[in-house]
């Protein structure tokens, strides 16, 4: 006996979009200039912005890092963030970036992770 799931596909799609939109609203976001880029020998790094992260940054973010997002330059996504951040800082352009809604990578659990 074959069971078809054509009726459940729209429901599944709707639920997926609902979860995705809820998660997107829970993330920190920034639209501004990059003021500094820091990468340690371990490959862990942070990008600092000229204003605080807005939206809904996670509660784990330390007050000293409310204008920073962390990344790991040992990953492909982190390498892209590093390249992008250095180019944006060098040209002094506004950038738009989003956090993952989680803390980690840099400084233990006190900096929101850059969404790559």
PDB file of N, CA and C in Angstrom:
ATOM      1  N   UNK A   1       0.843  -1.173   0.000  1.00  0.00           N
ATOM      2  CA  UNK A   1       0.000   0.000   0.000  1.00  0.00           C
ATOM      3  C   UNK A   1       0.889   1.237   0.000  1.00  0.00           C
ATOM      4  N   UNK A   2       0.632   2.146  -0.909  1.00  0.00           N
ATOM      5  CA  UNK A   2       1.417   3.366  -1.018  1.00  0.00           C
ATOM      6  C   UNK A   2       0.665   4.512  -0.358  1.00  0.00           C
ATOM      7  N   UNK A   3       1.392   5.247   0.497  1.00  0.00           N
ATOM      8  CA  UNK A   3       0.792   6.395   1.171  1.00  0.00           C
ATOM      9  C   UNK A   3       1.319   7.653   0.516  1.00  0.00           C
ATOM     10  N   UNK A   4       0.429   8.515   0.072  1.00  0.00           N
ATOM     11  CA  UNK A   4       0.864   9.757  -0.551  1.00  0.00           C
ATOM     12  C   UNK A   4       0.840  10.871   0.488  1.00  0.00           C
ATOM     13  N   UNK A   5       1.761  11.797   0.335  1.00  0.00           N
ATOM     14  CA  UNK A   5       1.872  12.874   1.322  1.00  0.00           C
ATOM     15  C   UNK A   5       1.667  14.242   0.702  1.00  0.00           C
ATOM     16  N   UNK A   6       0.945  14.311  -0.380  1.00  0.00           N
ATOM     17  CA  UNK A   6       0.769  15.597  -1.056  1.00  0.00           C
ATOM     18  C   UNK A   6       0.004  16.585  -0.184  1.00  0.00           C
ATOM     19  N   UNK A   7      -0.892  16.127   0.651  1.00  0.00           N
ATOM     20  CA  UNK A   7      -1.642  17.031   1.517  1.00  0.00           C
ATOM     21  C   UNK A   7      -0.767  17.556   2.655  1.00  0.00           C
ATOM     22  N   UNK A   8       0.188  16.791   3.085  1.00  0.00           N
ATOM     23  CA  UNK A   8       1.008  17.218   4.213  1.00  0.00           C
ATOM     24  C   UNK A   8       2.145  18.153   3.784  1.00  0.00           C
ATOM     25  N   UNK A   9       2.460  18.189   2.487  1.00  0.00           N
ATOM     26  CA  UNK A   9       3.555  19.054   2.028  1.00  0.00           C
ATOM     27  C   UNK A   9       3.280  20.532   2.279  1.00  0.00           C
ATOM     28  N   UNK A  10       2.090  21.069   1.968  1.00  0.00           N
ATOM     29  CA  UNK A  10       1.846  22.482   2.262  1.00  0.00           C
ATOM     30  C   UNK A  10       1.932  22.784   3.760  1.00  0.00           C
ATOM     31  N   UNK A  11       1.464  21.868   4.582  1.00  0.00           N
ATOM     32  CA  UNK A  11       1.528  22.057   6.023  1.00  0.00           C
ATOM     33  C   UNK A  11       2.977  22.069   6.490  1.00  0.00           C
ATOM     34  N   UNK A  12       3.767  21.131   5.993  1.00  0.00           N
ATOM     35  CA  UNK A  12       5.174  21.062   6.354  1.00  0.00           C
ATOM     36  C   UNK A  12       5.912  22.328   5.913  1.00  0.00           C
ATOM     37  N   UNK A  13       5.633  22.794   4.706  1.00  0.00           N
ATOM     38  CA  UNK A  13       6.245  24.019   4.212  1.00  0.00           C
ATOM     39  C   UNK A  13       5.847  25.205   5.081  1.00  0.00           C
ATOM     40  N   UNK A  14       4.590  25.292   5.452  1.00  0.00           N
ATOM     41  CA  UNK A  14       4.117  26.386   6.300  1.00  0.00           C
ATOM     42  C   UNK A  14       4.800  26.365   7.659  1.00  0.00           C
ATOM     43  N   UNK A  15       4.916  25.195   8.250  1.00  0.00           N
ATOM     44  CA  UNK A  15       5.587  25.075   9.543  1.00  0.00           C
ATOM     45  C   UNK A  15       7.060  25.436   9.441  1.00  0.00           C
ATOM     46  N   UNK A  16       7.708  25.011   8.372  1.00  0.00           N
ATOM     47  CA  UNK A  16       9.124  25.336   8.170  1.00  0.00           C
ATOM     48  C   UNK A  16       9.310  26.840   8.055  1.00  0.00           C
ATOM     49  N   UNK A  17       8.466  27.505   7.264  1.00  0.00           N
ATOM     50  CA  UNK A  17       8.562  28.960   7.107  1.00  0.00           C
ATOM     51  C   UNK A  17       8.284  29.676   8.420  1.00  0.00           C
ATOM     52  N   UNK A  18       7.355  29.178   9.203  1.00  0.00           N
ATOM     53  CA  UNK A  18       7.043  29.773  10.501  1.00  0.00           C
ATOM     54  C   UNK A  18       8.249  29.688  11.423  1.00  0.00           C
ATOM     55  N   UNK A  19       8.874  28.524  11.487  1.00  0.00           N
ATOM     56  CA  UNK A  19      10.049  28.338  12.339  1.00  0.00           C
ATOM     57  C   UNK A  19      11.186  29.237  11.858  1.00  0.00           C
ATOM     58  N   UNK A  20      11.391  29.296  10.552  1.00  0.00           N
ATOM     59  CA  UNK A  20      12.469  30.128  10.011  1.00  0.00           C
ATOM     60  C   UNK A  20      12.224  31.599  10.308  1.00  0.00           C
ATOM     61  N   UNK A  21      10.988  32.067  10.163  1.00  0.00           N
ATOM     62  CA  UNK A  21      10.718  33.477  10.423  1.00  0.00           C
ATOM     63  C   UNK A  21      10.835  33.788  11.905  1.00  0.00           C
ATOM     64  N   UNK A  22      10.464  32.870  12.768  1.00  0.00           N
ATOM     65  CA  UNK A  22      10.619  33.057  14.205  1.00  0.00           C
ATOM     66  C   UNK A  22      12.089  33.137  14.569  1.00  0.00           C
ATOM     67  N   UNK A  23      12.912  32.282  13.971  1.00  0.00           N
ATOM     68  CA  UNK A  23      14.342  32.311  14.246  1.00  0.00           C
ATOM     69  C   UNK A  23      14.963  33.593  13.723  1.00  0.00           C
ATOM     70  N   UNK A  24      14.548  34.047  12.569  1.00  0.00           N
ATOM     71  CA  UNK A  24      15.115  35.266  11.992  1.00  0.00           C
ATOM     72  C   UNK A  24      14.827  36.462  12.883  1.00  0.00           C
ATOM     73  N   UNK A  25      13.665  36.491  13.526  1.00  0.00           N
ATOM     74  CA  UNK A  25      13.330  37.586  14.406  1.00  0.00           C
ATOM     75  C   UNK A  25      14.126  37.532  15.703  1.00  0.00           C
ATOM     76  N   UNK A  26      14.677  36.382  16.054  1.00  0.00           N
ATOM     77  CA  UNK A  26      15.410  36.231  17.296  1.00  0.00           C
ATOM     78  C   UNK A  26      16.899  36.522  17.140  1.00  0.00           C
ATOM     79  N   UNK A  27      17.335  36.940  15.967  1.00  0.00           N
ATOM     80  CA  UNK A  27      18.751  37.158  15.717  1.00  0.00           C
ATOM     81  C   UNK A  27      19.124  38.618  15.897  1.00  0.00           C
ATOM     82  N   UNK A  28      20.407  38.819  16.247  1.00  0.00           N
ATOM     83  CA  UNK A  28      20.934  40.171  16.254  1.00  0.00           C
ATOM     84  C   UNK A  28      21.268  40.577  14.829  1.00  0.00           C
ATOM     85  N   UNK A  29      21.179  41.860  14.548  1.00  0.00           N
ATOM     86  CA  UNK A  29      21.521  42.332  13.212  1.00  0.00           C
ATOM     87  C   UNK A  29      22.191  43.698  13.322  1.00  0.00           C
ATOM     88  N   UNK A  30      22.923  44.045  12.281  1.00  0.00           N
ATOM     89  CA  UNK A  30      23.637  45.319  12.263  1.00  0.00           C
ATOM     90  C   UNK A  30      23.671  45.849  10.831  1.00  0.00           C
ATOM     91  N   UNK A  31      23.528  47.144  10.703  1.00  0.00           N
ATOM     92  CA  UNK A  31      23.731  47.827   9.439  1.00  0.00           C
ATOM     93  C   UNK A  31      24.580  49.038   9.775  1.00  0.00           C
ATOM     94  N   UNK A  32      25.883  48.930   9.511  1.00  0.00           N
ATOM     95  CA  UNK A  32      26.787  50.009   9.869  1.00  0.00           C
ATOM     96  C   UNK A  32      28.183  49.766   9.331  1.00  0.00           C
ATOM     97  N   UNK A  33      29.124  50.538   9.837  1.00  0.00           N
ATOM     98  CA  UNK A  33      30.514  50.439   9.393  1.00  0.00           C
ATOM     99  C   UNK A  33      31.319  49.548  10.340  1.00  0.00           C
ATOM    100  N   UNK A  34      32.307  48.869   9.789  1.00  0.00           N
ATOM    101  CA  UNK A  34      33.207  48.043  10.589  1.00  0.00           C
ATOM    102  C   UNK A  34      34.319  48.944  11.107  1.00  0.00           C
ATOM    103  N   UNK A  35      34.534  48.909  12.430  1.00  0.00           N
ATOM    104  CA  UNK A  35      35.570  49.748  13.033  1.00  0.00           C
ATOM    105  C   UNK A  35      36.851  48.969  13.313  1.00  0.00           C
ATOM    106  N   UNK A  36      36.749  47.652  13.490  1.00  0.00           N
ATOM    107  CA  UNK A  36      37.943  46.845  13.775  1.00  0.00           C
ATOM    108  C   UNK A  36      37.671  45.386  13.454  1.00  0.00           C
ATOM    109  N   UNK A  37      38.733  44.688  13.088  1.00  0.00           N
ATOM    110  CA  UNK A  37      38.674  43.244  12.846  1.00  0.00           C
ATOM    111  C   UNK A  37      39.807  42.624  13.654  1.00  0.00           C
ATOM    112  N   UNK A  38      39.474  41.627  14.458  1.00  0.00           N
ATOM    113  CA  UNK A  38      40.475  40.977  15.302  1.00  0.00           C
ATOM    114  C   UNK A  38      40.469  39.483  15.039  1.00  0.00           C
ATOM    115  N   UNK A  39      41.634  38.917  14.809  1.00  0.00           N
ATOM    116  CA  UNK A  39      41.779  37.473  14.648  1.00  0.00           C
ATOM    117  C   UNK A  39      42.978  37.031  15.464  1.00  0.00           C
ATOM    118  N   UNK A  40      42.783  36.070  16.347  1.00  0.00           N
ATOM    119  CA  UNK A  40      43.877  35.521  17.150  1.00  0.00           C
ATOM    120  C   UNK A  40      44.572  34.404  16.391  1.00  0.00           C
ATOM    121  N   UNK A  41      45.709  33.956  16.907  1.00  0.00           N
ATOM    122  CA  UNK A  41      46.464  32.879  16.287  1.00  0.00           C
ATOM    123  C   UNK A  41      45.678  31.591  16.155  1.00  0.00           C
ATOM    124  N   UNK A  42      44.654  31.436  16.985  1.00  0.00           N
ATOM    125  CA  UNK A  42      43.809  30.236  16.940  1.00  0.00           C
ATOM    126  C   UNK A  42      42.816  30.272  15.785  1.00  0.00           C
ATOM    127  N   UNK A  43      42.665  31.445  15.153  1.00  0.00           N
ATOM    128  CA  UNK A  43      41.687  31.597  14.073  1.00  0.00           C
ATOM    129  C   UNK A  43      40.359  32.154  14.544  1.00  0.00           C
ATOM    130  N   UNK A  44      40.194  32.309  15.855  1.00  0.00           N
ATOM    131  CA  UNK A  44      38.960  32.889  16.380  1.00  0.00           C
ATOM    132  C   UNK A  44      39.026  34.395  16.232  1.00  0.00           C
ATOM    133  N   UNK A  45      37.927  34.975  15.759  1.00  0.00           N
ATOM    134  CA  UNK A  45      37.951  36.410  15.512  1.00  0.00           C
ATOM    135  C   UNK A  45      36.660  37.116  15.847  1.00  0.00           C
ATOM    136  N   UNK A  46      36.747  38.437  15.845  1.00  0.00           N
ATOM    137  CA  UNK A  46      35.589  39.293  16.076  1.00  0.00           C
ATOM    138  C   UNK A  46      35.636  40.456  15.116  1.00  0.00           C
ATOM    139  N   UNK A  47      34.477  40.900  14.714  1.00  0.00           N
ATOM    140  CA  UNK A  47      34.322  42.107  13.916  1.00  0.00           C
ATOM    141  C   UNK A  47      33.554  43.098  14.778  1.00  0.00           C
ATOM    142  N   UNK A  48      34.119  44.292  14.923  1.00  0.00           N
ATOM    143  CA  UNK A  48      33.484  45.348  15.708  1.00  0.00           C
ATOM    144  C   UNK A  48      32.830  46.349  14.769  1.00  0.00           C
ATOM    145  N   UNK A  49      31.657  46.830  15.162  1.00  0.00           N
ATOM    146  CA  UNK A  49      30.886  47.774  14.357  1.00  0.00           C
ATOM    147  C   UNK A  49      30.777  49.119  15.065  1.00  0.00           C
ATOM    148  N   UNK A  50      30.379  50.148  14.316  1.00  0.00           N
ATOM    149  CA  UNK A  50      30.284  51.492  14.868  1.00  0.00           C
ATOM    150  C   UNK A  50      29.038  51.731  15.709  1.00  0.00           C
ATOM    151  N   UNK A  51      28.196  50.735  15.823  1.00  0.00           N
ATOM    152  CA  UNK A  51      26.991  50.840  16.657  1.00  0.00           C
ATOM    153  C   UNK A  51      26.640  49.459  17.202  1.00  0.00           C
ATOM    154  N   UNK A  52      25.794  49.402  18.214  1.00  0.00           N
ATOM    155  CA  UNK A  52      25.431  48.102  18.797  1.00  0.00           C
ATOM    156  C   UNK A  52      24.608  47.229  17.855  1.00  0.00           C
ATOM    157  N   UNK A  53      24.701  45.936  18.062  1.00  0.00           N
ATOM    158  CA  UNK A  53      23.874  44.970  17.350  1.00  0.00           C
ATOM    159  C   UNK A  53      22.431  45.205  17.799  1.00  0.00           C
ATOM    160  N   UNK A  54      21.506  45.244  16.835  1.00  0.00           N
ATOM    161  CA  UNK A  54      20.098  45.479  17.160  1.00  0.00           C
ATOM    162  C   UNK A  54      19.305  44.194  16.963  1.00  0.00           C
ATOM    163  N   UNK A  55      18.001  44.307  16.958  1.00  0.00           N
ATOM    164  CA  UNK A  55      17.152  43.127  16.829  1.00  0.00           C
ATOM    165  C   UNK A  55      17.047  42.440  18.179  1.00  0.00           C
ATOM    166  N   UNK A  56      17.253  41.157  18.178  1.00  0.00           N
ATOM    167  CA  UNK A  56      17.171  40.369  19.398  1.00  0.00           C
ATOM    168  C   UNK A  56      18.474  39.607  19.639  1.00  0.00           C
ATOM    169  N   UNK A  57      19.572  40.301  19.969  1.00  0.00           N
ATOM    170  CA  UNK A  57      20.790  39.549  20.254  1.00  0.00           C
ATOM    171  C   UNK A  57      20.566  38.656  21.472  1.00  0.00           C
ATOM    172  N   UNK A  58      21.274  37.545  21.555  1.00  0.00           N
ATOM    173  CA  UNK A  58      21.066  36.639  22.673  1.00  0.00           C
ATOM    174  C   UNK A  58      21.471  37.273  24.002  1.00  0.00           C
ATOM    175  N   UNK A  59      20.865  36.821  25.073  1.00  0.00           N
ATOM    176  CA  UNK A  59      21.137  37.380  26.396  1.00  0.00           C
ATOM    177  C   UNK A  59      22.547  37.051  26.887  1.00  0.00           C
ATOM    178  N   UNK A  60      23.241  36.130  26.243  1.00  0.00           N
ATOM    179  CA  UNK A  60      24.581  35.733  26.671  1.00  0.00           C
ATOM    180  C   UNK A  60      25.655  36.736  26.264  1.00  0.00           C
ATOM    181  N   UNK A  61      25.321  37.732  25.438  1.00  0.00           N
ATOM    182  CA  UNK A  61      26.309  38.706  24.973  1.00  0.00           C
ATOM    183  C   UNK A  61      26.715  39.614  26.125  1.00  0.00           C
ATOM    184  N   UNK A  62      28.017  39.716  26.355  1.00  0.00           N
ATOM    185  CA  UNK A  62      28.566  40.593  27.388  1.00  0.00           C
ATOM    186  C   UNK A  62      28.430  42.043  26.933  1.00  0.00           C
ATOM    187  N   UNK A  63      28.207  42.959  27.879  1.00  0.00           N
ATOM    188  CA  UNK A  63      28.023  44.370  27.544  1.00  0.00           C
ATOM    189  C   UNK A  63      29.182  44.946  26.729  1.00  0.00           C
ATOM    190  N   UNK A  64      30.405  44.461  26.960  1.00  0.00           N
ATOM    191  CA  UNK A  64      31.569  44.978  26.242  1.00  0.00           C
ATOM    192  C   UNK A  64      31.571  44.586  24.769  1.00  0.00           C
ATOM    193  N   UNK A  65      30.734  43.609  24.383  1.00  0.00           N
ATOM    194  CA  UNK A  65      30.723  43.115  22.998  1.00  0.00           C
ATOM    195  C   UNK A  65      29.371  43.287  22.321  1.00  0.00           C
ATOM    196  N   UNK A  66      28.604  44.262  22.741  1.00  0.00           N
ATOM    197  CA  UNK A  66      27.288  44.491  22.142  1.00  0.00           C
ATOM    198  C   UNK A  66      27.386  45.050  20.722  1.00  0.00           C
ATOM    199  N   UNK A  67      28.599  45.405  20.295  1.00  0.00           N
ATOM    200  CA  UNK A  67      28.791  45.913  18.935  1.00  0.00           C
ATOM    201  C   UNK A  67      29.713  44.991  18.130  1.00  0.00           C
ATOM    202  N   UNK A  68      29.758  43.701  18.491  1.00  0.00           N
ATOM    203  CA  UNK A  68      30.668  42.769  17.817  1.00  0.00           C
ATOM    204  C   UNK A  68      29.968  41.458  17.475  1.00  0.00           C
ATOM    205  N   UNK A  69      30.469  40.816  16.412  1.00  0.00           N
ATOM    206  CA  UNK A  69      30.056  39.464  16.051  1.00  0.00           C
ATOM    207  C   UNK A  69      31.314  38.616  15.927  1.00  0.00           C
ATOM    208  N   UNK A  70      31.248  37.363  16.389  1.00  0.00           N
ATOM    209  CA  UNK A  70      32.392  36.469  16.334  1.00  0.00           C
ATOM    210  C   UNK A  70      32.350  35.559  15.116  1.00  0.00           C
ATOM    211  N   UNK A  71      33.527  35.053  14.730  1.00  0.00           N
ATOM    212  CA  UNK A  71      33.612  34.106  13.621  1.00  0.00           C
ATOM    213  C   UNK A  71      34.843  33.235  13.809  1.00  0.00           C
ATOM    214  N   UNK A  72      34.903  32.135  13.088  1.00  0.00           N
ATOM    215  CA  UNK A  72      36.024  31.208  13.147  1.00  0.00           C
ATOM    216  C   UNK A  72      36.688  31.178  11.772  1.00  0.00           C
ATOM    217  N   UNK A  73      37.879  31.767  11.668  1.00  0.00           N
ATOM    218  CA  UNK A  73      38.579  31.854  10.385  1.00  0.00           C
ATOM    219  C   UNK A  73      39.155  30.516   9.932  1.00  0.00           C
ATOM    220  N   UNK A  74      38.986  29.466  10.732  1.00  0.00           N
ATOM    221  CA  UNK A  74      39.440  28.133  10.331  1.00  0.00           C
ATOM    222  C   UNK A  74      38.417  27.422   9.450  1.00  0.00           C
ATOM    223  N   UNK A  75      37.238  28.011   9.303  1.00  0.00           N
ATOM    224  CA  UNK A  75      36.190  27.413   8.467  1.00  0.00           C
ATOM    225  C   UNK A  75      36.075  28.213   7.170  1.00  0.00           C
ATOM    226  N   UNK A  76      35.465  27.623   6.165  1.00  0.00           N
ATOM    227  CA  UNK A  76      35.268  28.329   4.895  1.00  0.00           C
ATOM    228  C   UNK A  76      34.397  29.571   5.095  1.00  0.00           C
ATOM    229  N   UNK A  77      33.335  29.424   5.873  1.00  0.00           N
ATOM    230  CA  UNK A  77      32.472  30.568   6.141  1.00  0.00           C
ATOM    231  C   UNK A  77      33.206  31.664   6.894  1.00  0.00           C
ATOM    232  N   UNK A  78      34.027  31.283   7.856  1.00  0.00           N
ATOM    233  CA  UNK A  78      34.806  32.253   8.616  1.00  0.00           C
ATOM    234  C   UNK A  78      35.835  32.972   7.764  1.00  0.00           C
ATOM    235  N   UNK A  79      36.435  32.246   6.821  1.00  0.00           N
ATOM    236  CA  UNK A  79      37.388  32.876   5.891  1.00  0.00           C
ATOM    237  C   UNK A  79      36.671  33.918   5.034  1.00  0.00           C
ATOM    238  N   UNK A  80      35.449  33.606   4.624  1.00  0.00           N
ATOM    239  CA  UNK A  80      34.664  34.554   3.828  1.00  0.00           C
ATOM    240  C   UNK A  80      34.316  35.788   4.661  1.00  0.00           C
ATOM    241  N   UNK A  81      33.942  35.586   5.921  1.00  0.00           N
ATOM    242  CA  UNK A  81      33.638  36.710   6.807  1.00  0.00           C
ATOM    243  C   UNK A  81      34.872  37.591   6.965  1.00  0.00           C
ATOM    244  N   UNK A  82      36.033  36.980   7.207  1.00  0.00           N
ATOM    245  CA  UNK A  82      37.267  37.739   7.376  1.00  0.00           C
ATOM    246  C   UNK A  82      37.580  38.568   6.132  1.00  0.00           C
ATOM    247  N   UNK A  83      37.509  37.967   4.979  1.00  0.00           N
ATOM    248  CA  UNK A  83      37.789  38.665   3.725  1.00  0.00           C
ATOM    249  C   UNK A  83      36.813  39.822   3.512  1.00  0.00           C
ATOM    250  N   UNK A  84      35.542  39.540   3.725  1.00  0.00           N
ATOM    251  CA  UNK A  84      34.488  40.544   3.569  1.00  0.00           C
ATOM    252  C   UNK A  84      34.702  41.702   4.542  1.00  0.00           C
ATOM    253  N   UNK A  85      34.977  41.364   5.805  1.00  0.00           N
ATOM    254  CA  UNK A  85      35.129  42.392   6.835  1.00  0.00           C
ATOM    255  C   UNK A  85      36.335  43.281   6.565  1.00  0.00           C
ATOM    256  N   UNK A  86      37.455  42.697   6.160  1.00  0.00           N
ATOM    257  CA  UNK A  86      38.646  43.495   5.856  1.00  0.00           C
ATOM    258  C   UNK A  86      38.421  44.420   4.662  1.00  0.00           C
ATOM    259  N   UNK A  87      37.745  43.913   3.630  1.00  0.00           N
ATOM    260  CA  UNK A  87      37.445  44.742   2.457  1.00  0.00           C
ATOM    261  C   UNK A  87      36.492  45.879   2.824  1.00  0.00           C
ATOM    262  N   UNK A  88      35.481  45.574   3.627  1.00  0.00           N
ATOM    263  CA  UNK A  88      34.508  46.590   4.028  1.00  0.00           C
ATOM    264  C   UNK A  88      35.162  47.656   4.908  1.00  0.00           C
ATOM    265  N   UNK A  89      36.044  47.239   5.795  1.00  0.00           N
ATOM    266  CA  UNK A  89      36.749  48.217   6.639  1.00  0.00           C
ATOM    267  C   UNK A  89      37.667  49.088   5.794  1.00  0.00           C
ATOM    268  N   UNK A  90      38.390  48.486   4.873  1.00  0.00           N
ATOM    269  CA  UNK A  90      39.332  49.234   4.033  1.00  0.00           C
ATOM    270  C   UNK A  90      38.631  50.272   3.165  1.00  0.00           C
ATOM    271  N   UNK A  91      37.419  49.984   2.728  1.00  0.00           N
ATOM    272  CA  UNK A  91      36.682  50.897   1.854  1.00  0.00           C
ATOM    273  C   UNK A  91      35.659  51.744   2.608  1.00  0.00           C
ATOM    274  N   UNK A  92      35.531  51.508   3.924  1.00  0.00           N
ATOM    275  CA  UNK A  92      34.649  52.295   4.793  1.00  0.00           C
ATOM    276  C   UNK A  92      33.189  52.306   4.320  1.00  0.00           C
ATOM    277  N   UNK A  93      32.703  51.155   3.863  1.00  0.00           N
ATOM    278  CA  UNK A  93      31.317  51.050   3.404  1.00  0.00           C
ATOM    279  C   UNK A  93      30.428  50.506   4.521  1.00  0.00           C
ATOM    280  N   UNK A  94      29.152  50.797   4.435  1.00  0.00           N
ATOM    281  CA  UNK A  94      28.185  50.209   5.354  1.00  0.00           C
ATOM    282  C   UNK A  94      27.979  48.743   4.991  1.00  0.00           C
ATOM    283  N   UNK A  95      27.842  47.907   6.000  1.00  0.00           N
ATOM    284  CA  UNK A  95      27.574  46.484   5.785  1.00  0.00           C
ATOM    285  C   UNK A  95      26.330  46.084   6.557  1.00  0.00           C
ATOM    286  N   UNK A  96      25.750  44.985   6.137  1.00  0.00           N
ATOM    287  CA  UNK A  96      24.611  44.401   6.829  1.00  0.00           C
ATOM    288  C   UNK A  96      25.016  42.997   7.231  1.00  0.00           C
ATOM    289  N   UNK A  97      24.902  42.691   8.523  1.00  0.00           N
ATOM    290  CA  UNK A  97      25.300  41.377   9.027  1.00  0.00           C
ATOM    291  C   UNK A  97      24.293  40.901  10.053  1.00  0.00           C
ATOM    292  N   UNK A  98      24.234  39.580  10.205  1.00  0.00           N
ATOM    293  CA  UNK A  98      23.301  38.964  11.139  1.00  0.00           C
ATOM    294  C   UNK A  98      24.029  37.968  12.026  1.00  0.00           C
ATOM    295  N   UNK A  99      23.585  37.898  13.261  1.00  0.00           N
ATOM    296  CA  UNK A  99      24.105  36.897  14.182  1.00  0.00           C
ATOM    297  C   UNK A  99      23.264  35.636  14.111  1.00  0.00           C
ATOM    298  N   UNK A 100      23.761  34.590  14.735  1.00  0.00           N
ATOM    299  CA  UNK A 100      23.046  33.309  14.744  1.00  0.00           C
ATOM    300  C   UNK A 100      22.067  33.186  15.901  1.00  0.00           C
ATOM    301  N   UNK A 101      22.111  34.132  16.828  1.00  0.00           N
ATOM    302  CA  UNK A 101      21.269  34.023  18.013  1.00  0.00           C
ATOM    303  C   UNK A 101      21.920  33.174  19.088  1.00  0.00           C
ATOM    304  N   UNK A 102      23.180  32.811  18.889  1.00  0.00           N
ATOM    305  CA  UNK A 102      23.931  32.007  19.856  1.00  0.00           C
ATOM    306  C   UNK A 102      25.267  32.668  20.131  1.00  0.00           C
ATOM    307  N   UNK A 103      25.801  32.418  21.318  1.00  0.00           N
ATOM    308  CA  UNK A 103      27.126  32.916  21.663  1.00  0.00           C
ATOM    309  C   UNK A 103      28.132  31.783  21.575  1.00  0.00           C
ATOM    310  N   UNK A 104      29.380  32.146  21.305  1.00  0.00           N
ATOM    311  CA  UNK A 104      30.427  31.144  21.253  1.00  0.00           C
ATOM    312  C   UNK A 104      31.580  31.601  20.395  1.00  0.00           C
ATOM    313  N   UNK A 105      32.376  30.675  19.953  1.00  0.00           N
ATOM    314  CA  UNK A 105      33.556  30.864  19.117  1.00  0.00           C
ATOM    315  C   UNK A 105      34.604  31.709  19.831  1.00  0.00           C
ATOM    316  N   UNK A 106      34.305  32.968  20.071  1.00  0.00           N
ATOM    317  CA  UNK A 106      35.317  33.853  20.637  1.00  0.00           C
ATOM    318  C   UNK A 106      34.953  34.244  22.060  1.00  0.00           C
ATOM    319  N   UNK A 107      35.932  34.220  22.931  1.00  0.00           N
ATOM    320  CA  UNK A 107      35.715  34.705  24.301  1.00  0.00           C
ATOM    321  C   UNK A 107      34.754  33.850  25.105  1.00  0.00           C
ATOM    322  N   UNK A 108      34.752  32.562  24.872  1.00  0.00           N
ATOM    323  CA  UNK A 108      33.818  31.704  25.598  1.00  0.00           C
ATOM    324  C   UNK A 108      32.420  31.874  25.072  1.00  0.00           C
ATOM    325  N   UNK A 109      31.529  32.300  25.900  1.00  0.00           N
ATOM    326  CA  UNK A 109      30.125  32.449  25.490  1.00  0.00           C
ATOM    327  C   UNK A 109      29.650  33.869  25.724  1.00  0.00           C
ATOM    328  N   UNK A 110      30.387  34.854  25.198  1.00  0.00           N
ATOM    329  CA  UNK A 110      30.019  36.242  25.444  1.00  0.00           C
ATOM    330  C   UNK A 110      29.865  37.092  24.186  1.00  0.00           C
ATOM    331  N   UNK A 111      30.082  36.493  23.014  1.00  0.00           N
ATOM    332  CA  UNK A 111      29.968  37.225  21.752  1.00  0.00           C
ATOM    333  C   UNK A 111      29.045  36.441  20.820  1.00  0.00           C
ATOM    334  N   UNK A 112      28.074  37.139  20.208  1.00  0.00           N
ATOM    335  CA  UNK A 112      27.175  36.474  19.262  1.00  0.00           C
ATOM    336  C   UNK A 112      27.950  36.048  18.026  1.00  0.00           C
ATOM    337  N   UNK A 113      27.600  34.889  17.483  1.00  0.00           N
ATOM    338  CA  UNK A 113      28.284  34.324  16.325  1.00  0.00           C
ATOM    339  C   UNK A 113      27.710  34.927  15.044  1.00  0.00           C
ATOM    340  N   UNK A 114      28.592  35.313  14.125  1.00  0.00           N
ATOM    341  CA  UNK A 114      28.207  35.843  12.807  1.00  0.00           C
ATOM    342  C   UNK A 114      27.541  34.729  12.021  1.00  0.00           C
ATOM    343  N   UNK A 115      26.399  35.008  11.436  1.00  0.00           N
ATOM    344  CA  UNK A 115      25.672  34.025  10.617  1.00  0.00           C
ATOM    345  C   UNK A 115      26.316  33.935   9.249  1.00  0.00           C
ATOM    346  N   UNK A 116      26.896  32.770   8.903  1.00  0.00           N
ATOM    347  CA  UNK A 116      27.555  32.610   7.609  1.00  0.00           C
ATOM    348  C   UNK A 116      26.778  31.681   6.713  1.00  0.00           C
TER     349      UNK A 116
END
